[in-house]
C-alpha atoms as a PDB file:
ATOM      1  CA  UNK A   1     117.292  61.795 139.685  1.00  0.00           C
ATOM      2  CA  UNK A   2     116.318  65.114 141.147  1.00  0.00           C
ATOM      3  CA  UNK A   3     116.838  68.291 139.207  1.00  0.00           C
ATOM      4  CA  UNK A   4     117.046  71.389 141.236  1.00  0.00           C
ATOM      5  CA  UNK A   5     114.204  73.820 140.678  1.00  0.00           C
ATOM      6  CA  UNK A   6     116.730  76.634 140.553  1.00  0.00           C
ATOM      7  CA  UNK A   7     118.551  75.053 137.598  1.00  0.00           C
ATOM      8  CA  UNK A   8     115.272  74.369 135.780  1.00  0.00           C
ATOM      9  CA  UNK A   9     114.117  77.956 136.401  1.00  0.00           C
ATOM     10  CA  UNK A  10     117.444  79.288 135.109  1.00  0.00           C
ATOM     11  CA  UNK A  11     117.211  77.230 131.888  1.00  0.00           C
ATOM     12  CA  UNK A  12     113.644  78.363 131.154  1.00  0.00           C
ATOM     13  CA  UNK A  13     114.490  81.990 131.923  1.00  0.00           C
ATOM     14  CA  UNK A  14     117.377  81.973 129.469  1.00  0.00           C
ATOM     15  CA  UNK A  15     115.278  80.343 126.739  1.00  0.00           C
ATOM     16  CA  UNK A  16     112.303  82.673 127.079  1.00  0.00           C
ATOM     17  CA  UNK A  17     114.288  85.869 127.471  1.00  0.00           C
ATOM     18  CA  UNK A  18     116.335  85.072 124.361  1.00  0.00           C
ATOM     19  CA  UNK A  19     113.226  84.433 122.284  1.00  0.00           C
ATOM     20  CA  UNK A  20     111.253  87.512 123.252  1.00  0.00           C
ATOM     21  CA  UNK A  21     113.956  90.117 123.525  1.00  0.00           C
ATOM     22  CA  UNK A  22     113.907  91.525 119.953  1.00  0.00           C
ATOM     23  CA  UNK A  23     110.329  90.909 118.850  1.00  0.00           C
ATOM     24  CA  UNK A  24     108.521  93.794 117.178  1.00  0.00           C
ATOM     25  CA  UNK A  25     104.835  93.275 117.745  1.00  0.00           C
ATOM     26  CA  UNK A  26     103.982  96.313 115.589  1.00  0.00           C
ATOM     27  CA  UNK A  27     105.235  94.600 112.442  1.00  0.00           C
ATOM     28  CA  UNK A  28     101.886  92.833 112.055  1.00  0.00           C
ATOM     29  CA  UNK A  29     100.350  96.232 111.285  1.00  0.00           C
ATOM     30  CA  UNK A  30     102.786  96.670 108.369  1.00  0.00           C
ATOM     31  CA  UNK A  31     101.635  93.533 106.556  1.00  0.00           C
ATOM     32  CA  UNK A  32      99.742  94.290 103.362  1.00  0.00           C
ATOM     33  CA  UNK A  33      97.868  91.439 101.742  1.00  0.00           C
ATOM     34  CA  UNK A  34      96.974  91.623  98.069  1.00  0.00           C
ATOM     35  CA  UNK A  35      94.477  88.912  97.196  1.00  0.00           C
ATOM     36  CA  UNK A  36      94.422  87.840  93.561  1.00  0.00           C
ATOM     37  CA  UNK A  37      92.177  85.566  91.521  1.00  0.00           C
ATOM     38  CA  UNK A  38      93.249  83.946  88.240  1.00  0.00           C
ATOM     39  CA  UNK A  39      90.418  83.201  85.806  1.00  0.00           C
ATOM     40  CA  UNK A  40      90.583  81.423  82.452  1.00  0.00           C
ATOM     41  CA  UNK A  41      88.705  83.337  79.761  1.00  0.00           C
ATOM     42  CA  UNK A  42      88.935  82.129  76.131  1.00  0.00           C
ATOM     43  CA  UNK A  43      90.828  79.371  74.323  1.00  0.00           C
ATOM     44  CA  UNK A  44      91.639  78.963  70.637  1.00  0.00           C
ATOM     45  CA  UNK A  45      93.010  75.647  69.333  1.00  0.00           C
ATOM     46  CA  UNK A  46      93.150  74.722  65.659  1.00  0.00           C
ATOM     47  CA  UNK A  47      95.303  73.085  63.009  1.00  0.00           C
ATOM     48  CA  UNK A  48      95.882  73.653  59.308  1.00  0.00           C
ATOM     49  CA  UNK A  49      92.789  71.639  58.393  1.00  0.00           C
ATOM     50  CA  UNK A  50      90.656  74.107  60.390  1.00  0.00           C
ATOM     51  CA  UNK A  51      92.096  77.254  58.767  1.00  0.00           C
ATOM     52  CA  UNK A  52      89.839  77.228  55.673  1.00  0.00           C
ATOM     53  CA  UNK A  53      86.593  77.040  57.598  1.00  0.00           C
ATOM     54  CA  UNK A  54      87.596  79.336  60.460  1.00  0.00           C
ATOM     55  CA  UNK A  55      88.937  82.149  58.302  1.00  0.00           C
ATOM     56  CA  UNK A  56      86.730  81.566  55.202  1.00  0.00           C
ATOM     57  CA  UNK A  57      89.768  81.135  52.960  1.00  0.00           C
ATOM     58  CA  UNK A  58      89.518  79.989  49.362  1.00  0.00           C
ATOM     59  CA  UNK A  59      93.165  80.164  48.285  1.00  0.00           C
ATOM     60  CA  UNK A  60      95.708  79.640  51.073  1.00  0.00           C
ATOM     61  CA  UNK A  61      98.484  81.238  48.987  1.00  0.00           C
ATOM     62  CA  UNK A  62      96.889  84.701  48.990  1.00  0.00           C
ATOM     63  CA  UNK A  63      98.147  86.983  51.799  1.00  0.00           C
ATOM     64  CA  UNK A  64      95.172  87.853  53.926  1.00  0.00           C
ATOM     65  CA  UNK A  65      94.215  89.280  57.241  1.00  0.00           C
ATOM     66  CA  UNK A  66      91.348  87.207  58.573  1.00  0.00           C
ATOM     67  CA  UNK A  67      89.952  86.850  62.029  1.00  0.00           C
ATOM     68  CA  UNK A  68      87.968  84.521  64.200  1.00  0.00           C
ATOM     69  CA  UNK A  69      86.186  85.571  67.387  1.00  0.00           C
ATOM     70  CA  UNK A  70      84.884  83.879  70.471  1.00  0.00           C
ATOM     71  CA  UNK A  71      83.111  85.307  73.486  1.00  0.00           C
ATOM     72  CA  UNK A  72      82.070  84.444  77.009  1.00  0.00           C
ATOM     73  CA  UNK A  73      79.586  85.940  79.416  1.00  0.00           C
ATOM     74  CA  UNK A  74      81.518  87.433  82.305  1.00  0.00           C
ATOM     75  CA  UNK A  75      79.311  88.296  85.265  1.00  0.00           C
ATOM     76  CA  UNK A  76      82.008  88.601  87.951  1.00  0.00           C
ATOM     77  CA  UNK A  77      81.987  92.402  87.719  1.00  0.00           C
ATOM     78  CA  UNK A  78      78.417  92.346  89.065  1.00  0.00           C
ATOM     79  CA  UNK A  79      79.774  91.089  92.405  1.00  0.00           C
ATOM     80  CA  UNK A  80      80.201  93.746  95.122  1.00  0.00           C
ATOM     81  CA  UNK A  81      83.698  92.456  95.927  1.00  0.00           C
ATOM     82  CA  UNK A  82      84.817  93.177  92.348  1.00  0.00           C
ATOM     83  CA  UNK A  83      83.031  96.545  92.248  1.00  0.00           C
ATOM     84  CA  UNK A  84      84.469  97.811  95.532  1.00  0.00           C
ATOM     85  CA  UNK A  85      87.897  96.209  95.862  1.00  0.00           C
ATOM     86  CA  UNK A  86      89.248  95.429  92.384  1.00  0.00           C
ATOM     87  CA  UNK A  87      92.514  97.311  91.954  1.00  0.00           C
ATOM     88  CA  UNK A  88      93.917  96.067  88.641  1.00  0.00           C
ATOM     89  CA  UNK A  89      93.652  93.358  86.003  1.00  0.00           C
ATOM     90  CA  UNK A  90      96.553  91.647  84.279  1.00  0.00           C
ATOM     91  CA  UNK A  91      95.478  89.873  81.075  1.00  0.00           C
ATOM     92  CA  UNK A  92      97.352  86.622  80.503  1.00  0.00           C
ATOM     93  CA  UNK A  93      97.883  85.268  76.999  1.00  0.00           C
ATOM     94  CA  UNK A  94      99.887  82.091  76.500  1.00  0.00           C
ATOM     95  CA  UNK A  95     100.175  79.293  74.012  1.00  0.00           C
ATOM     96  CA  UNK A  96     102.017  78.274  70.899  1.00  0.00           C
ATOM     97  CA  UNK A  97     102.014  79.070  67.192  1.00  0.00           C
ATOM     98  CA  UNK A  98     103.405  76.306  64.989  1.00  0.00           C
ATOM     99  CA  UNK A  99     102.644  78.048  61.687  1.00  0.00           C
ATOM    100  CA  UNK A 100     105.002  80.163  59.563  1.00  0.00           C
ATOM    101  CA  UNK A 101     102.666  83.144  59.919  1.00  0.00           C
ATOM    102  CA  UNK A 102     102.000  85.564  62.762  1.00  0.00           C
ATOM    103  CA  UNK A 103      98.724  85.779  64.593  1.00  0.00           C
ATOM    104  CA  UNK A 104      97.542  88.573  66.853  1.00  0.00           C
ATOM    105  CA  UNK A 105      94.933  88.580  69.585  1.00  0.00           C
ATOM    106  CA  UNK A 106      92.797  91.311  71.100  1.00  0.00           C
ATOM    107  CA  UNK A 107      90.618  90.965  74.195  1.00  0.00           C
ATOM    108  CA  UNK A 108      87.651  93.328  74.423  1.00  0.00           C
ATOM    109  CA  UNK A 109      85.445  93.820  77.471  1.00  0.00           C
ATOM    110  CA  UNK A 110      81.875  94.741  76.427  1.00  0.00           C
ATOM    111  CA  UNK A 111      78.839  95.945  78.344  1.00  0.00           C
ATOM    112  CA  UNK A 112      75.371  94.398  78.045  1.00  0.00           C
ATOM    113  CA  UNK A 113      74.643  96.488  74.918  1.00  0.00           C
ATOM    114  CA  UNK A 114      77.840  95.449  73.125  1.00  0.00           C
ATOM    115  CA  UNK A 115      79.656  98.729  73.767  1.00  0.00           C
ATOM    116  CA  UNK A 116      83.380  98.379  74.297  1.00  0.00           C
ATOM    117  CA  UNK A 117      84.361  99.251  77.853  1.00  0.00           C
ATOM    118  CA  UNK A 118      88.022  98.342  77.409  1.00  0.00           C
ATOM    119  CA  UNK A 119      90.183  96.608  74.818  1.00  0.00           C
ATOM    120  CA  UNK A 120      93.762  95.394  74.969  1.00  0.00           C
ATOM    121  CA  UNK A 121      96.251  96.420  72.334  1.00  0.00           C
ATOM    122  CA  UNK A 122      96.980  93.771  69.694  1.00  0.00           C
ATOM    123  CA  UNK A 123      99.271  91.149  71.179  1.00  0.00           C
ATOM    124  CA  UNK A 124     101.393  89.509  68.473  1.00  0.00           C
ATOM    125  CA  UNK A 125     101.859  85.741  68.573  1.00  0.00           C
ATOM    126  CA  UNK A 126     104.932  85.308  66.361  1.00  0.00           C
ATOM    127  CA  UNK A 127     105.315  82.483  63.864  1.00  0.00           C
ATOM    128  CA  UNK A 128     106.859  79.295  65.271  1.00  0.00           C
ATOM    129  CA  UNK A 129     106.820  80.481  68.858  1.00  0.00           C
ATOM    130  CA  UNK A 130     105.896  79.158  72.265  1.00  0.00           C
ATOM    131  CA  UNK A 131     105.478  81.203  75.334  1.00  0.00           C
ATOM    132  CA  UNK A 132     103.591  83.627  77.354  1.00  0.00           C
ATOM    133  CA  UNK A 133     102.554  86.714  75.419  1.00  0.00           C
ATOM    134  CA  UNK A 134     101.750  89.727  77.522  1.00  0.00           C
ATOM    135  CA  UNK A 135      99.093  92.387  77.402  1.00  0.00           C
ATOM    136  CA  UNK A 136      99.217  95.593  79.386  1.00  0.00           C
ATOM    137  CA  UNK A 137      98.018  95.870  82.962  1.00  0.00           C
ATOM    138  CA  UNK A 138      94.628  97.528  83.431  1.00  0.00           C
ATOM    139  CA  UNK A 139      94.483  99.870  86.427  1.00  0.00           C
ATOM    140  CA  UNK A 140      90.861 100.268  87.519  1.00  0.00           C
ATOM    141  CA  UNK A 141      91.285 103.897  88.664  1.00  0.00           C
ATOM    142  CA  UNK A 142      92.343 104.789  85.103  1.00  0.00           C
ATOM    143  CA  UNK A 143      89.710 102.561  83.417  1.00  0.00           C
ATOM    144  CA  UNK A 144      86.632 102.410  85.693  1.00  0.00           C
ATOM    145  CA  UNK A 145      84.286 101.629  82.777  1.00  0.00           C
ATOM    146  CA  UNK A 146      85.672  98.097  82.594  1.00  0.00           C
ATOM    147  CA  UNK A 147      83.597  97.322  85.704  1.00  0.00           C
ATOM    148  CA  UNK A 148      80.464  97.678  83.521  1.00  0.00           C
ATOM    149  CA  UNK A 149      81.534  94.747  81.333  1.00  0.00           C
ATOM    150  CA  UNK A 150      79.315  91.704  81.056  1.00  0.00           C
ATOM    151  CA  UNK A 151      81.205  89.751  78.404  1.00  0.00           C
ATOM    152  CA  UNK A 152      84.692  89.252  77.023  1.00  0.00           C
ATOM    153  CA  UNK A 153      85.318  88.876  73.290  1.00  0.00           C
ATOM    154  CA  UNK A 154      88.584  87.492  71.978  1.00  0.00           C
ATOM    155  CA  UNK A 155      89.588  88.116  68.376  1.00  0.00           C
ATOM    156  CA  UNK A 156      92.378  86.025  66.862  1.00  0.00           C
ATOM    157  CA  UNK A 157      93.757  87.665  63.729  1.00  0.00           C
ATOM    158  CA  UNK A 158      95.645  85.823  60.964  1.00  0.00           C
ATOM    159  CA  UNK A 159      98.327  88.051  59.456  1.00  0.00           C
ATOM    160  CA  UNK A 160      99.754  86.615  56.260  1.00  0.00           C
ATOM    161  CA  UNK A 161     100.008  83.541  54.039  1.00  0.00           C
ATOM    162  CA  UNK A 162      99.302  80.138  55.550  1.00  0.00           C
ATOM    163  CA  UNK A 163     101.457  77.256  54.314  1.00  0.00           C
ATOM    164  CA  UNK A 164      98.934  74.461  53.591  1.00  0.00           C
ATOM    165  CA  UNK A 165     101.515  71.732  54.198  1.00  0.00           C
ATOM    166  CA  UNK A 166     101.916  72.745  57.816  1.00  0.00           C
ATOM    167  CA  UNK A 167     100.855  70.074  60.232  1.00  0.00           C
ATOM    168  CA  UNK A 168     101.112  72.082  63.400  1.00  0.00           C
ATOM    169  CA  UNK A 169      98.589  73.888  65.526  1.00  0.00           C
ATOM    170  CA  UNK A 170      97.862  77.248  67.068  1.00  0.00           C
ATOM    171  CA  UNK A 171      96.890  77.072  70.720  1.00  0.00           C
ATOM    172  CA  UNK A 172      96.091  80.320  72.502  1.00  0.00           C
ATOM    173  CA  UNK A 173      94.798  80.384  76.073  1.00  0.00           C
ATOM    174  CA  UNK A 174      93.645  83.656  77.569  1.00  0.00           C
ATOM    175  CA  UNK A 175      92.874  84.563  81.108  1.00  0.00           C
ATOM    176  CA  UNK A 176      93.258  87.344  83.609  1.00  0.00           C
ATOM    177  CA  UNK A 177      94.636  87.840  87.084  1.00  0.00           C
ATOM    178  CA  UNK A 178      92.410  90.108  89.157  1.00  0.00           C
ATOM    179  CA  UNK A 179      94.235  91.925  91.960  1.00  0.00           C
ATOM    180  CA  UNK A 180      92.247  93.331  94.886  1.00  0.00           C
ATOM    181  CA  UNK A 181      93.099  95.941  97.483  1.00  0.00           C
ATOM    182  CA  UNK A 182      92.303  95.286 101.123  1.00  0.00           C
ATOM    183  CA  UNK A 183      92.512  98.840 102.386  1.00  0.00           C
END
């Protein structure tokens, strides 16, 4: 079975002219990539049996405001990529609170001498809740001192009376999404 070269040429011409006719090769220049890195920072996980020792409570029926802290060394800001291209940071706070009392959390970024370079506002973790809890976005141009941080301290704050018959837990996971500019 012979196919005429003219028919084959006509078929290929139609296919290729239809595919290339409306291409805009300049659109590749309009693409803006925004690389992002998600990093886990601190985690809190405790039940009612841990409350006494963590918050130094004697009488669980007395309304108190107690706190527990944890910290990690955070050396990523020493990297040139972070120093030169970091655009913004979005703290991520998620977890669950099974108690009938609110908790709050604050993340503080400290330099090597323990000076606070940046701190989030208190983020409330309501009683009997599950979900993501949000902190504000940190724009590096407005908060350049955060790049001098060498550690992150998380403070979980108990805000009220703990019911000692509770059998549930508080689980709070913190992290951050670091957004970089490529321009």
